[in-house]
Protein backbone atom coordinates (compact mmCIF):
# COMPACT_ATOMS: atom_id res chain seq x y z
CA MET A 1 170.98 195.08 -146.84
CA LYS A 2 173.62 192.92 -145.22
CA THR A 3 172.76 191.33 -141.88
CA THR A 4 174.80 192.71 -138.98
CA ILE A 5 176.09 190.17 -136.46
CA GLY A 6 177.34 191.24 -133.05
CA VAL A 7 180.45 189.45 -131.78
CA THR A 8 181.87 189.58 -128.26
CA GLY A 9 185.42 188.41 -127.65
CA ALA A 10 186.31 189.59 -131.14
CA THR A 11 190.04 189.82 -130.35
CA GLY A 12 190.27 186.29 -128.95
CA HIS A 13 191.20 183.21 -130.94
CA VAL A 14 187.64 182.24 -131.86
CA GLY A 15 186.57 185.85 -132.34
CA ALA A 16 189.45 186.73 -134.65
CA ASN A 17 188.56 183.85 -136.96
CA LEU A 18 184.83 184.38 -136.65
CA VAL A 19 184.77 188.04 -137.70
CA ARG A 20 186.88 187.27 -140.77
CA MET A 21 184.69 184.36 -141.80
CA LEU A 22 181.49 186.33 -141.24
CA ILE A 23 182.73 189.17 -143.47
CA GLU A 24 183.92 186.73 -146.14
CA GLN A 25 180.43 185.19 -146.16
CA GLY A 26 178.64 188.50 -146.66
CA PHE A 27 177.74 189.62 -143.14
CA GLN A 28 178.49 192.92 -141.50
CA VAL A 29 180.12 192.64 -138.07
CA ARG A 30 179.80 194.76 -134.98
CA ALA A 31 182.59 193.88 -132.54
CA LEU A 32 182.59 194.59 -128.82
CA LEU A 33 186.09 195.62 -127.76
CA ARG A 34 187.39 196.84 -124.43
CA ASN A 35 190.07 198.80 -126.29
CA PRO A 36 190.86 199.32 -129.97
CA SER A 37 193.07 196.39 -130.92
CA GLU A 38 195.75 195.59 -133.46
CA THR A 39 194.15 192.17 -133.91
CA HIS A 40 191.93 193.38 -136.76
CA PRO A 41 193.95 195.64 -139.07
CA LYS A 42 192.31 196.24 -142.44
CA ILE A 43 189.17 194.34 -141.41
CA PRO A 44 185.96 196.34 -142.01
CA LEU A 45 184.41 196.12 -138.55
CA GLU A 46 181.97 198.35 -136.74
CA ILE A 47 183.62 198.70 -133.33
CA VAL A 48 181.81 199.40 -130.07
CA ILE A 49 184.01 200.05 -127.05
CA GLY A 50 182.51 198.39 -124.00
CA ASP A 51 182.80 195.73 -121.36
CA LEU A 52 180.78 192.74 -120.22
CA LEU A 53 180.55 194.32 -116.78
CA ASP A 54 179.11 197.57 -118.17
CA VAL A 55 175.45 196.96 -119.04
CA ASP A 56 174.98 200.37 -120.67
CA SER A 57 177.81 199.71 -123.13
CA LEU A 58 176.30 196.28 -123.86
CA LYS A 59 172.93 197.86 -124.63
CA HIS A 60 174.65 200.22 -127.06
CA PHE A 61 176.42 197.22 -128.62
CA CYS A 62 173.12 195.34 -129.06
CA GLN A 63 171.10 198.20 -130.55
CA GLY A 64 169.52 197.36 -133.89
CA ILE A 65 170.99 193.88 -134.38
CA GLU A 66 169.17 190.55 -134.48
CA VAL A 67 171.95 188.08 -133.67
CA VAL A 68 174.78 188.18 -131.13
CA ILE A 69 177.54 185.56 -130.98
CA HIS A 70 179.03 185.50 -127.49
CA THR A 71 182.59 184.14 -127.60
CA ALA A 72 184.11 186.29 -124.83
CA ALA A 73 185.42 184.28 -121.87
CA VAL A 74 188.33 183.96 -119.51
CA ILE A 75 189.94 180.57 -120.10
CA SER A 76 191.71 179.27 -117.03
CA ILE A 77 193.63 176.14 -116.12
CA GLY A 78 193.89 177.34 -112.56
CA ASP A 79 196.25 180.15 -113.52
CA GLN A 80 193.79 183.08 -113.44
CA PRO A 81 192.21 184.88 -110.47
CA ALA A 82 188.89 183.20 -109.62
CA GLU A 83 187.08 186.53 -109.36
CA SER A 84 188.10 187.57 -112.87
CA VAL A 85 187.02 184.22 -114.32
CA TYR A 86 183.62 184.41 -112.56
CA ASN A 87 183.02 188.05 -113.47
CA THR A 88 183.51 187.41 -117.18
CA ASN A 89 182.06 183.93 -117.59
CA VAL A 90 179.04 184.28 -115.31
CA THR A 91 178.28 187.92 -114.49
CA GLY A 92 179.26 189.03 -117.98
CA THR A 93 176.92 186.48 -119.54
CA LYS A 94 174.06 187.67 -117.32
CA ASN A 95 174.72 191.27 -118.32
CA LEU A 96 174.85 190.47 -122.02
CA ILE A 97 171.55 188.58 -121.84
CA GLU A 98 169.97 191.55 -120.07
CA ALA A 99 171.22 193.87 -122.82
CA CYS A 100 170.10 191.52 -125.61
CA ARG A 101 166.59 191.28 -124.22
CA HIS A 102 166.36 195.01 -123.57
CA GLU A 103 167.33 195.79 -127.17
CA GLY A 104 165.23 193.09 -128.82
CA VAL A 105 168.02 190.82 -130.07
CA ARG A 106 166.35 187.81 -131.68
CA ARG A 107 169.03 185.13 -131.21
CA LEU A 108 172.05 184.67 -128.92
CA ILE A 109 174.66 182.08 -129.87
CA HIS A 110 176.51 181.38 -126.64
CA PHE A 111 179.90 179.69 -126.58
CA SER A 112 180.23 177.21 -123.74
CA SER A 113 182.77 174.36 -123.55
CA VAL A 114 182.84 170.59 -123.23
CA ASP A 115 184.80 171.36 -120.06
CA ALA A 116 181.49 172.47 -118.55
CA LEU A 117 180.29 168.86 -118.56
CA ILE A 118 180.83 166.08 -116.05
CA THR A 119 183.21 164.03 -118.19
CA ASP A 120 184.97 161.78 -115.69
CA CYS A 121 183.57 158.67 -117.33
CA ASN A 122 184.42 155.21 -118.58
CA ASP A 123 182.61 153.83 -121.62
CA GLU A 124 179.49 156.00 -121.69
CA ILE A 125 178.86 158.47 -124.48
CA VAL A 126 179.18 162.12 -123.50
CA ASP A 127 176.81 164.35 -125.44
CA GLU A 128 174.33 167.18 -124.98
CA GLU A 129 172.40 165.22 -122.33
CA THR A 130 175.44 164.92 -120.04
CA PRO A 131 174.95 166.99 -116.85
CA LEU A 132 176.75 170.28 -116.32
CA ASP A 133 179.46 170.38 -113.67
CA VAL A 134 178.02 173.39 -111.81
CA ASN A 135 179.69 172.33 -108.54
CA SER A 136 183.17 171.68 -109.94
CA GLY A 137 186.15 172.66 -107.84
CA GLN A 138 187.79 173.97 -111.02
CA ILE A 139 186.81 177.59 -111.54
CA TYR A 140 186.75 177.42 -115.34
CA LYS A 141 184.55 174.30 -115.45
CA ARG A 142 182.18 175.71 -112.87
CA THR A 143 181.83 179.16 -114.44
CA LYS A 144 181.34 177.83 -117.96
CA ALA A 145 178.69 175.46 -116.62
CA LEU A 146 176.94 178.27 -114.76
CA GLY A 147 177.16 180.61 -117.75
CA GLU A 148 175.63 177.98 -120.02
CA GLN A 149 172.90 177.26 -117.49
CA ILE A 150 172.02 180.97 -117.33
CA ALA A 151 172.00 181.30 -121.12
CA LEU A 152 169.70 178.34 -121.73
CA ALA A 153 167.36 179.41 -118.93
CA ALA A 154 166.92 182.77 -120.69
CA ALA A 155 165.51 181.23 -123.88
CA SER A 156 161.91 182.28 -124.56
CA ASP A 157 159.45 182.70 -127.42
CA ASP A 158 160.93 186.08 -128.32
CA PHE A 159 164.58 185.41 -127.39
CA GLU A 160 166.27 182.42 -128.99
CA VAL A 161 169.38 180.91 -127.39
CA ILE A 162 171.73 178.42 -129.03
CA VAL A 163 174.70 176.98 -127.13
CA LEU A 164 177.83 175.65 -128.82
CA ALA A 165 180.27 173.62 -126.73
CA PRO A 166 183.65 173.13 -128.44
CA SER A 167 186.57 171.02 -127.30
CA ALA A 168 190.18 172.29 -127.25
CA ILE A 169 190.59 174.73 -130.14
CA ILE A 170 193.56 174.92 -132.52
CA GLY A 171 194.05 177.07 -135.59
CA PRO A 172 195.32 180.24 -137.26
CA TYR A 173 194.72 183.92 -136.39
CA ASP A 174 195.85 183.13 -132.86
CA PHE A 175 197.18 186.64 -132.28
CA LYS A 176 197.25 186.57 -128.48
CA THR A 177 198.56 182.98 -128.52
CA SER A 178 195.95 180.87 -126.77
CA LEU A 179 196.89 178.14 -124.30
CA ILE A 180 196.78 175.56 -127.09
CA GLY A 181 198.75 177.91 -129.34
CA LYS A 182 201.40 178.20 -126.63
CA MET A 183 201.54 174.41 -126.43
CA ILE A 184 202.07 174.11 -130.20
CA THR A 185 204.70 176.85 -130.37
CA ARG A 186 206.62 175.53 -127.35
CA MET A 187 206.59 172.05 -128.82
CA TYR A 188 207.90 173.42 -132.12
CA LEU A 189 210.69 175.33 -130.35
CA GLY A 190 211.64 172.35 -128.19
CA GLN A 191 210.50 174.13 -125.02
CA LEU A 192 208.09 171.43 -123.84
CA PRO A 193 210.41 168.41 -123.73
CA VAL A 194 208.50 166.37 -121.15
CA LEU A 195 204.95 165.21 -121.79
CA VAL A 196 202.30 163.34 -119.81
CA PRO A 197 200.43 160.29 -121.13
CA GLY A 198 197.00 161.92 -121.48
CA GLY A 199 195.21 163.64 -124.31
CA TYR A 200 192.07 165.47 -125.32
CA PHE A 201 189.69 166.28 -128.17
CA TRP A 202 191.11 168.93 -130.52
CA VAL A 203 189.08 170.89 -133.06
CA ASP A 204 189.96 173.43 -135.75
CA VAL A 205 188.84 176.95 -134.87
CA ARG A 206 187.53 177.48 -138.41
CA ASP A 207 185.24 174.46 -138.15
CA VAL A 208 183.87 175.75 -134.85
CA CYS A 209 183.31 179.21 -136.35
CA GLN A 210 181.48 177.76 -139.35
CA ALA A 211 179.16 175.94 -136.96
CA ALA A 212 178.48 179.28 -135.24
CA ILE A 213 177.75 180.95 -138.58
CA ASN A 214 175.38 178.13 -139.52
CA ALA A 215 173.68 178.59 -136.13
CA ILE A 216 172.60 182.09 -137.18
CA HIS A 217 169.77 180.47 -139.12
CA LEU A 218 169.84 176.81 -138.06
CA GLY A 219 169.32 175.04 -134.76
CA ALA A 220 166.50 175.04 -132.22
CA SER A 221 166.29 177.62 -129.46
CA GLY A 222 167.12 176.23 -126.03
CA GLU A 223 169.37 173.54 -127.48
CA LYS A 224 173.08 172.82 -127.04
CA TYR A 225 175.43 171.36 -129.65
CA LEU A 226 178.84 169.80 -128.98
CA VAL A 227 181.40 170.73 -131.65
CA ILE A 228 184.43 168.53 -131.13
CA GLY A 229 187.14 167.19 -133.37
CA GLN A 230 189.53 164.30 -132.92
CA TRP A 231 190.91 162.78 -129.73
CA ALA A 232 194.71 162.61 -129.69
CA SER A 233 197.35 162.21 -127.02
CA LEU A 234 199.96 164.87 -126.37
CA VAL A 235 202.51 162.49 -127.85
CA GLU A 236 200.48 162.27 -131.06
CA ILE A 237 200.21 166.07 -131.21
CA ALA A 238 203.97 166.32 -130.69
CA GLY A 239 204.45 163.85 -133.56
CA LEU A 240 202.43 166.08 -135.88
CA VAL A 241 204.50 169.10 -134.81
CA GLN A 242 207.76 167.16 -135.26
CA ILE A 243 207.06 166.85 -138.99
CA HIS A 244 207.65 170.59 -139.35
CA THR A 245 210.90 171.07 -137.42
CA SER A 246 214.34 169.52 -137.18
CA LYS A 247 214.47 170.20 -133.43
CA LYS A 248 213.62 167.38 -131.05
CA VAL A 249 210.07 168.18 -129.96
CA PHE A 250 210.07 166.05 -126.81
CA VAL A 251 212.42 163.68 -125.03
CA GLY A 252 210.14 161.60 -122.85
CA MET A 253 207.08 161.23 -120.67
CA VAL A 254 206.46 161.30 -116.94
CA PRO A 255 203.58 159.58 -115.13
CA PHE A 256 200.76 161.74 -113.84
CA TRP A 257 201.65 161.22 -110.19
CA LEU A 258 205.09 162.69 -110.80
CA ALA A 259 203.67 165.53 -112.89
CA TYR A 260 201.31 166.49 -110.06
CA LEU A 261 204.26 166.57 -107.64
CA GLY A 262 206.08 168.89 -110.01
CA VAL A 263 203.26 171.46 -110.30
CA PRO A 264 204.51 173.74 -107.45
CA PHE A 265 207.99 173.83 -108.98
CA ILE A 266 206.58 174.59 -112.44
CA LYS A 267 204.51 177.39 -110.95
CA ALA A 268 207.56 178.87 -109.24
CA TRP A 269 209.68 178.63 -112.38
CA THR A 270 207.07 180.23 -114.64
CA ALA A 271 206.66 183.06 -112.12
CA LEU A 272 210.39 183.70 -112.22
CA SER A 273 210.59 183.44 -116.01
CA LYS A 274 207.35 185.42 -116.50
CA THR A 275 205.81 182.72 -118.68
CA GLN A 276 202.46 180.95 -118.46
CA PRO A 277 202.41 177.41 -117.03
CA LEU A 278 200.86 174.75 -119.24
CA TYR A 279 201.05 172.04 -116.60
CA THR A 280 198.81 172.97 -113.69
CA HIS A 281 196.71 170.79 -111.43
CA ASP A 282 193.64 171.62 -113.53
CA SER A 283 195.25 170.98 -116.91
CA LEU A 284 196.72 167.67 -115.74
CA TYR A 285 193.33 166.60 -114.41
CA ILE A 286 191.67 167.41 -117.74
CA LEU A 287 194.29 165.46 -119.69
CA GLN A 288 194.07 162.51 -117.31
CA LYS A 289 190.31 162.30 -116.71
CA GLY A 290 188.76 163.65 -119.89
CA CYS A 291 186.37 161.23 -121.57
CA ARG A 292 187.32 159.82 -124.97
CA ASN A 293 183.71 159.20 -125.99
CA LEU A 294 182.38 162.66 -126.75
CA SER A 295 179.91 162.90 -129.60
CA SER A 296 179.14 165.79 -131.96
CA ALA A 297 176.54 163.80 -133.93
CA LYS A 298 173.84 166.37 -133.14
CA ALA A 299 175.92 169.26 -134.56
CA THR A 300 176.73 167.19 -137.63
CA ARG A 301 173.05 166.52 -138.20
CA VAL A 302 171.86 170.10 -137.64
CA PHE A 303 174.78 172.28 -138.83
CA GLY A 304 176.62 169.93 -141.17
CA PHE A 305 179.57 170.05 -138.76
CA ASN A 306 182.45 168.14 -140.37
CA PRO A 307 185.80 168.79 -138.67
CA ARG A 308 188.89 168.60 -140.83
CA PRO A 309 191.75 166.16 -140.09
CA LEU A 310 193.93 167.08 -137.12
CA GLU A 311 197.11 166.79 -139.20
CA GLU A 312 195.81 169.50 -141.55
CA THR A 313 194.95 171.76 -138.62
CA VAL A 314 198.36 171.42 -136.97
CA THR A 315 200.15 172.01 -140.28
CA GLU A 316 198.19 175.17 -141.07
CA THR A 317 198.50 176.45 -137.50
CA ILE A 318 202.29 176.13 -137.58
CA HIS A 319 202.34 177.75 -141.02
CA TRP A 320 200.36 180.74 -139.68
CA PHE A 321 202.67 181.10 -136.66
CA LYS A 322 205.68 181.04 -139.00
CA GLN A 323 204.19 183.62 -141.35
CA ASN A 324 203.50 185.95 -138.44
CA ASN A 325 206.94 185.58 -136.83
CA TYR A 326 205.86 183.71 -133.71
CA LEU A 327 208.40 180.94 -134.32
CA VAL A 328 211.73 182.79 -134.40
């Protein structure tokens, strides 16, 4: 009999890739959805309609399965209501753990983020021992840190918890167009002409999902594993995008101080144009202050994590967006 894996956040970027990869590798998948979604046409899923704030629906979702992979989260760069972010990332995680334990789930694989760490550093290595930023003024950092803290504290002899903490995720099957997907598509279309000097660690969604699949059987309960890719500046990302279009991807850079001054005007413009801002105070801070010395050595050792080259990821991401008519 095939093993059934429960997946929350199955219509998100990670979830959409994860359910496909699980099925390809011989697992059955039970997906928690708030509503039936067009994200998974022709994919043989067992669907449970429910919500992270509805414990009864979570108990129904968890019935009879041994492993749950929790990818559901609200990702915010200061552009989402704080209450919504907290309810999903913290309260929702508490509720899911309660349901898992009530129904006898053996292992929970919880998706956190490197953003949950205190990463305003100089030359030190940032890894699994780096403290969580539970008092951050940024709602996403704080809630992901609190959610991870709750998950790890729940680990016991009869309930295993593994935490994966990815960096910024890029890749195909980005149906809802994630924040990073929006950045790539806007660069390609010449709609993000001004960049800032900073950068971040970028990782292919498929490499992150494979680490999660490996964590079904590998990894020690109560442990966290950073799954990061390659550090690159926004200019370097734009250069990789430029290869695939004749349009000028960007025209110049502005210093951070000027970008911060422009945030209120960007917010006003995106409200008028009904688009999502990519430059917010939080996103600028992450690009400016993020540490360049993150290490995923532990995940490499335990899961065989081996992220593919960033150029390959950007190429295949753009190809997927083209195939699915996002770049017209």
